[in-house]
């Protein structure tokens, strides 16, 4: 059992196994964070470009709502 950032994680195996599993989990979390940041930046650029354009305003509003509903992923903690 490992507690990190107010979250408990359970690992099986010995300490070496723990280190490998934790490194894998942190790498996945960082990759998901970076992917999400790219998606957020893409949506934000679309919103900035088309918010004032009458023909695209509804699409921009939908993307604003999508962005607001998005559950943000925290970056992987650095030791």
C-alpha atoms as a PDB file:
ATOM      1  CA  UNK A   1       0.000   0.000   0.000  1.00  0.00           C
ATOM      2  CA  UNK A   2       1.338   3.405  -0.992  1.00  0.00           C
ATOM      3  CA  UNK A   3      -0.294   6.754  -0.194  1.00  0.00           C
ATOM      4  CA  UNK A   4       0.452   9.563  -2.609  1.00  0.00           C
ATOM      5  CA  UNK A   5      -1.342  12.905  -2.974  1.00  0.00           C
ATOM      6  CA  UNK A   6      -4.159  11.843  -0.645  1.00  0.00           C
ATOM      7  CA  UNK A   7      -4.810   8.693  -2.699  1.00  0.00           C
ATOM      8  CA  UNK A   8      -4.056   5.125  -1.686  1.00  0.00           C
ATOM      9  CA  UNK A   9      -2.606   2.684  -4.213  1.00  0.00           C
ATOM     10  CA  UNK A  10      -2.191  -1.028  -3.616  1.00  0.00           C
ATOM     11  CA  UNK A  11       0.732  -2.826  -5.200  1.00  0.00           C
ATOM     12  CA  UNK A  12       1.471  -6.542  -5.252  1.00  0.00           C
ATOM     13  CA  UNK A  13       4.913  -8.101  -5.077  1.00  0.00           C
ATOM     14  CA  UNK A  14       8.180  -6.953  -3.574  1.00  0.00           C
ATOM     15  CA  UNK A  15       9.768  -3.487  -3.541  1.00  0.00           C
ATOM     16  CA  UNK A  16      11.348  -3.869  -6.988  1.00  0.00           C
ATOM     17  CA  UNK A  17       7.950  -4.773  -8.389  1.00  0.00           C
ATOM     18  CA  UNK A  18       6.452  -1.763  -6.605  1.00  0.00           C
ATOM     19  CA  UNK A  19       8.988   0.569  -8.217  1.00  0.00           C
ATOM     20  CA  UNK A  20       8.272  -0.802 -11.694  1.00  0.00           C
ATOM     21  CA  UNK A  21       4.481  -0.649 -11.251  1.00  0.00           C
ATOM     22  CA  UNK A  22       4.637   2.868  -9.817  1.00  0.00           C
ATOM     23  CA  UNK A  23       6.896   4.110 -12.624  1.00  0.00           C
ATOM     24  CA  UNK A  24       4.509   2.618 -15.185  1.00  0.00           C
ATOM     25  CA  UNK A  25       1.491   4.216 -13.505  1.00  0.00           C
ATOM     26  CA  UNK A  26       3.200   7.619 -13.334  1.00  0.00           C
ATOM     27  CA  UNK A  27       4.295   7.414 -16.983  1.00  0.00           C
ATOM     28  CA  UNK A  28       0.720   6.588 -18.033  1.00  0.00           C
ATOM     29  CA  UNK A  29      -0.647   9.451 -15.951  1.00  0.00           C
ATOM     30  CA  UNK A  30       1.848  11.894 -17.479  1.00  0.00           C
ATOM     31  CA  UNK A  31       1.027  10.706 -21.013  1.00  0.00           C
ATOM     32  CA  UNK A  32      -2.706  11.094 -20.358  1.00  0.00           C
ATOM     33  CA  UNK A  33      -2.095  14.580 -18.916  1.00  0.00           C
ATOM     34  CA  UNK A  34      -0.075  15.684 -21.957  1.00  0.00           C
ATOM     35  CA  UNK A  35      -2.667  14.252 -24.345  1.00  0.00           C
ATOM     36  CA  UNK A  36      -5.453  16.036 -22.515  1.00  0.00           C
ATOM     37  CA  UNK A  37      -3.516  19.321 -22.521  1.00  0.00           C
ATOM     38  CA  UNK A  38      -3.107  19.077 -26.303  1.00  0.00           C
ATOM     39  CA  UNK A  39      -6.838  18.442 -26.691  1.00  0.00           C
ATOM     40  CA  UNK A  40      -7.703  21.369 -24.407  1.00  0.00           C
ATOM     41  CA  UNK A  41      -5.350  23.660 -26.340  1.00  0.00           C
ATOM     42  CA  UNK A  42      -6.923  22.550 -29.629  1.00  0.00           C
ATOM     43  CA  UNK A  43     -10.459  23.178 -28.343  1.00  0.00           C
ATOM     44  CA  UNK A  44      -9.437  26.549 -26.920  1.00  0.00           C
ATOM     45  CA  UNK A  45      -7.881  27.662 -30.209  1.00  0.00           C
ATOM     46  CA  UNK A  46     -11.088  26.644 -32.040  1.00  0.00           C
ATOM     47  CA  UNK A  47     -13.171  28.593 -29.531  1.00  0.00           C
ATOM     48  CA  UNK A  48     -10.956  31.668 -29.845  1.00  0.00           C
ATOM     49  CA  UNK A  49     -11.136  31.592 -33.643  1.00  0.00           C
ATOM     50  CA  UNK A  50     -14.853  30.998 -34.114  1.00  0.00           C
ATOM     51  CA  UNK A  51     -16.607  32.437 -31.049  1.00  0.00           C
ATOM     52  CA  UNK A  52     -17.481  35.729 -32.757  1.00  0.00           C
ATOM     53  CA  UNK A  53     -18.294  34.269 -36.184  1.00  0.00           C
ATOM     54  CA  UNK A  54     -22.069  33.985 -36.548  1.00  0.00           C
ATOM     55  CA  UNK A  55     -22.020  30.771 -38.579  1.00  0.00           C
ATOM     56  CA  UNK A  56     -19.748  28.929 -36.122  1.00  0.00           C
ATOM     57  CA  UNK A  57     -20.916  30.429 -32.812  1.00  0.00           C
ATOM     58  CA  UNK A  58     -23.093  27.433 -31.876  1.00  0.00           C
ATOM     59  CA  UNK A  59     -20.251  25.006 -32.498  1.00  0.00           C
ATOM     60  CA  UNK A  60     -17.961  27.186 -30.391  1.00  0.00           C
ATOM     61  CA  UNK A  61     -20.548  27.220 -27.584  1.00  0.00           C
ATOM     62  CA  UNK A  62     -20.794  23.412 -27.676  1.00  0.00           C
ATOM     63  CA  UNK A  63     -17.032  23.154 -27.446  1.00  0.00           C
ATOM     64  CA  UNK A  64     -16.999  25.574 -24.516  1.00  0.00           C
ATOM     65  CA  UNK A  65     -19.470  23.292 -22.716  1.00  0.00           C
ATOM     66  CA  UNK A  66     -17.353  20.259 -23.600  1.00  0.00           C
ATOM     67  CA  UNK A  67     -14.300  22.004 -22.191  1.00  0.00           C
ATOM     68  CA  UNK A  68     -16.160  22.919 -18.993  1.00  0.00           C
ATOM     69  CA  UNK A  69     -17.344  19.318 -18.505  1.00  0.00           C
ATOM     70  CA  UNK A  70     -13.892  17.856 -19.053  1.00  0.00           C
ATOM     71  CA  UNK A  71     -12.446  16.356 -15.900  1.00  0.00           C
ATOM     72  CA  UNK A  72      -8.856  17.568 -15.806  1.00  0.00           C
ATOM     73  CA  UNK A  73      -6.068  15.094 -15.142  1.00  0.00           C
ATOM     74  CA  UNK A  74      -3.303  16.177 -12.779  1.00  0.00           C
ATOM     75  CA  UNK A  75       0.289  15.897 -13.957  1.00  0.00           C
ATOM     76  CA  UNK A  76       2.334  13.056 -12.510  1.00  0.00           C
ATOM     77  CA  UNK A  77       4.070  14.089  -9.281  1.00  0.00           C
ATOM     78  CA  UNK A  78       7.820  14.522  -9.443  1.00  0.00           C
ATOM     79  CA  UNK A  79       9.880  13.067  -6.598  1.00  0.00           C
END
